Amino acid sequence: PAMPALEDFDRIVVGVDPATTSDATSDLTGIVVVGRTPGGKAYVLADRSCKVSPDRWAHAVIQVRDEYQANYIVGEKNQGGDMVTLTLRTADPGATVKLVWAKRGKAIRAEPIVAMYEQGRIAHPTPLIELEDEWCGWVPGAGPSPDRLDACVYAATELMLPQTTSLMQGVAFA
């Protein structure tokens, strides 16, 4: 599907699954942008996931937020807690950040989003090969953490299931 113009989205968010370290064995920091149209369809607009220092991933998040005119950033609080907000605010003191607490397992959190993909309610207007490979190849409990997938789930859940508290607990905007 063709991507709507940025002004055609009613809300755009950047999902972040932060890595707390940046050495050779570190996880990626998942950074995925998702927008929702007034008709209730979501588009995964960008995957800027990277394996860099916290300062550099924070700047990458701010850059993609600005590029896509995102309304705010949704970050996982489980790894790093309030340091996620502090790291992002170091890159941009005015950053609007909503933290979420991932309460259930990755597979359970992803299930409603998978169903929306299957229903055609979430689409990729351009290929996002590495993210798509994670979606198609991740086996729960095996292999590395699916950081791109997690960031996508945080952003899509925020836009498409904002009242879902059984899977993730939203924390007030920081």
Protein backbone atom coordinates (compact mmCIF):
# COMPACT_ATOMS: atom_id res chain seq x y z
CA PRO A 1 0.00 0.00 0.00
CA ALA A 2 1.13 3.53 -0.72
CA MET A 3 2.08 5.58 2.30
CA PRO A 4 -0.25 8.44 3.16
CA ALA A 5 1.33 11.88 3.47
CA LEU A 6 2.51 12.72 6.99
CA GLU A 7 -0.31 15.24 7.41
CA ASP A 8 -2.83 12.43 6.73
CA PHE A 9 -1.94 10.64 9.97
CA ASP A 10 -3.86 11.53 13.11
CA ARG A 11 -0.99 10.33 15.29
CA ILE A 12 2.59 9.15 14.82
CA VAL A 13 4.76 7.67 17.56
CA VAL A 14 8.30 6.35 17.82
CA GLY A 15 8.59 3.04 19.69
CA VAL A 16 11.87 2.44 21.53
CA ASP A 17 13.19 -0.79 23.02
CA PRO A 18 16.36 0.59 24.64
CA ALA A 19 19.63 -1.23 25.06
CA THR A 20 21.45 -0.27 28.23
CA THR A 21 24.94 -1.08 26.95
CA SER A 22 26.74 -0.79 23.63
CA ASP A 23 29.44 -3.45 23.58
CA ALA A 24 29.78 -6.29 21.07
CA THR A 25 27.32 -8.53 22.96
CA SER A 26 24.69 -5.83 23.53
CA ASP A 27 21.20 -5.94 22.12
CA LEU A 28 20.10 -3.50 19.46
CA THR A 29 18.08 -0.51 20.48
CA GLY A 30 14.82 -1.01 18.63
CA ILE A 31 13.59 2.26 17.08
CA VAL A 32 10.43 1.96 14.97
CA VAL A 33 8.03 4.68 13.75
CA VAL A 34 4.33 3.87 13.36
CA GLY A 35 1.55 6.20 12.21
CA ARG A 36 -2.23 5.81 12.38
CA THR A 37 -4.73 7.29 9.95
CA PRO A 38 -8.13 8.63 11.05
CA GLY A 39 -9.64 5.49 9.49
CA GLY A 40 -7.80 3.34 12.03
CA LYS A 41 -5.11 1.81 9.83
CA ALA A 42 -1.50 1.78 11.01
CA TYR A 43 1.57 2.11 8.83
CA VAL A 44 5.06 1.12 9.95
CA LEU A 45 7.00 4.03 8.52
CA ALA A 46 10.61 3.45 9.53
CA ASP A 47 13.00 1.14 11.36
CA ARG A 48 16.07 2.95 12.66
CA SER A 49 17.19 0.29 15.11
CA CYS A 50 20.89 0.44 15.91
CA LYS A 51 23.62 -0.90 18.16
CA VAL A 52 25.22 2.25 19.56
CA SER A 53 25.78 4.01 22.88
CA PRO A 54 22.75 5.33 24.79
CA ASP A 55 23.65 8.89 23.80
CA ARG A 56 23.76 7.95 20.11
CA TRP A 57 20.50 5.97 20.16
CA ALA A 58 18.79 8.90 21.90
CA HIS A 59 19.93 11.23 19.12
CA ALA A 60 18.74 8.68 16.52
CA VAL A 61 15.30 8.63 18.19
CA ILE A 62 15.07 12.43 18.21
CA GLN A 63 16.18 12.60 14.58
CA VAL A 64 13.54 10.12 13.38
CA ARG A 65 10.88 11.75 15.58
CA ASP A 66 11.58 15.06 13.85
CA GLU A 67 11.81 13.51 10.38
CA TYR A 68 8.37 11.91 10.72
CA GLN A 69 6.85 14.70 12.85
CA ALA A 70 5.96 12.16 15.53
CA ASN A 71 3.73 13.25 18.38
CA TYR A 72 5.80 11.52 21.05
CA ILE A 73 8.09 8.65 21.96
CA VAL A 74 6.94 5.40 23.60
CA GLY A 75 9.80 3.72 25.45
CA GLU A 76 10.10 0.52 27.42
CA LYS A 77 10.69 1.16 31.11
CA ASN A 78 11.70 -2.42 32.05
CA GLN A 79 15.32 -1.95 30.96
CA GLY A 80 16.68 1.29 32.35
CA GLY A 81 13.56 2.74 33.94
CA ASP A 82 13.74 6.51 34.31
CA MET A 83 17.14 6.51 32.60
CA VAL A 84 15.28 6.11 29.28
CA THR A 85 13.59 9.48 29.74
CA LEU A 86 16.78 11.08 31.04
CA THR A 87 18.78 9.78 28.06
CA LEU A 88 16.19 11.09 25.58
CA ARG A 89 15.95 14.43 27.39
CA THR A 90 19.72 14.78 27.18
CA ALA A 91 19.33 14.67 23.40
CA ASP A 92 16.28 16.97 23.47
CA PRO A 93 15.19 18.58 26.76
CA GLY A 94 11.67 19.04 25.38
CA ALA A 95 11.16 15.43 24.30
CA THR A 96 7.72 14.05 25.15
CA VAL A 97 8.18 10.50 26.40
CA LYS A 98 5.65 7.91 27.52
CA LEU A 99 7.10 4.92 29.28
CA VAL A 100 5.46 1.50 29.16
CA TRP A 101 6.07 -1.44 31.44
CA ALA A 102 6.10 -4.72 29.54
CA LYS A 103 4.12 -6.90 31.95
CA ARG A 104 3.70 -10.09 29.94
CA GLY A 105 5.94 -12.14 27.66
CA LYS A 106 6.96 -10.90 24.22
CA ALA A 107 4.80 -13.42 22.38
CA ILE A 108 1.69 -12.51 24.36
CA ARG A 109 2.30 -8.78 23.83
CA ALA A 110 2.76 -9.32 20.10
CA GLU A 111 -0.37 -11.46 19.55
CA PRO A 112 -2.89 -8.60 19.08
CA ILE A 113 -0.50 -6.80 16.74
CA VAL A 114 0.05 -9.99 14.70
CA ALA A 115 -3.73 -10.29 14.38
CA MET A 116 -3.93 -6.73 13.07
CA TYR A 117 -1.25 -7.47 10.48
CA GLU A 118 -3.28 -10.52 9.41
CA GLN A 119 -6.43 -8.37 9.14
CA GLY A 120 -4.62 -5.79 7.01
CA ARG A 121 -4.95 -3.13 9.71
CA ILE A 122 -1.15 -2.67 9.90
CA ALA A 123 0.96 -2.35 6.76
CA HIS A 124 4.49 -1.54 5.62
CA PRO A 125 4.34 0.97 2.76
CA THR A 126 8.02 0.30 2.02
CA PRO A 127 10.07 -2.85 2.69
CA LEU A 128 11.64 -2.98 6.15
CA ILE A 129 13.61 -6.17 5.59
CA GLU A 130 15.31 -6.55 8.99
CA LEU A 131 12.11 -5.82 10.91
CA GLU A 132 10.13 -8.15 8.66
CA ASP A 133 12.75 -10.87 9.14
CA GLU A 134 12.30 -10.54 12.93
CA TRP A 135 8.52 -10.76 12.61
CA CYS A 136 8.77 -13.86 10.43
CA GLY A 137 11.70 -15.61 12.09
CA TRP A 138 11.50 -14.99 15.82
CA VAL A 139 10.84 -18.09 17.90
CA PRO A 140 9.78 -17.29 21.48
CA GLY A 141 12.42 -18.38 23.96
CA ALA A 142 15.06 -18.97 21.29
CA GLY A 143 17.75 -16.75 19.83
CA PRO A 144 18.45 -13.11 20.48
CA SER A 145 15.87 -10.62 21.71
CA PRO A 146 13.70 -9.27 18.88
CA ASP A 147 14.41 -5.61 19.60
CA ARG A 148 12.96 -4.23 16.35
CA LEU A 149 9.81 -6.30 16.86
CA ASP A 150 9.49 -5.07 20.46
CA ALA A 151 9.77 -1.41 19.42
CA CYS A 152 7.17 -2.01 16.70
CA VAL A 153 4.82 -3.68 19.19
CA TYR A 154 5.17 -0.77 21.67
CA ALA A 155 4.36 1.81 19.00
CA ALA A 156 1.53 -0.17 17.35
CA THR A 157 -0.04 -1.04 20.72
CA GLU A 158 0.04 2.63 21.72
CA LEU A 159 -1.78 3.62 18.54
CA MET A 160 -4.11 0.68 18.01
CA LEU A 161 -4.81 -0.64 21.53
CA PRO A 162 -4.26 2.33 23.85
CA GLN A 163 -6.50 0.91 26.57
CA THR A 164 -4.68 -2.44 26.75
CA THR A 165 -3.32 -2.67 30.27
CA SER A 166 -3.17 -6.43 30.59
CA LEU A 167 -0.21 -6.63 28.19
CA MET A 168 1.61 -3.40 28.96
CA GLN A 169 1.08 -0.87 31.67
CA GLY A 170 1.33 2.70 30.45
CA VAL A 171 3.15 5.06 32.74
CA ALA A 172 2.28 8.74 32.74
CA PHE A 173 4.04 10.97 30.26
CA ALA A 174 7.36 12.08 31.66
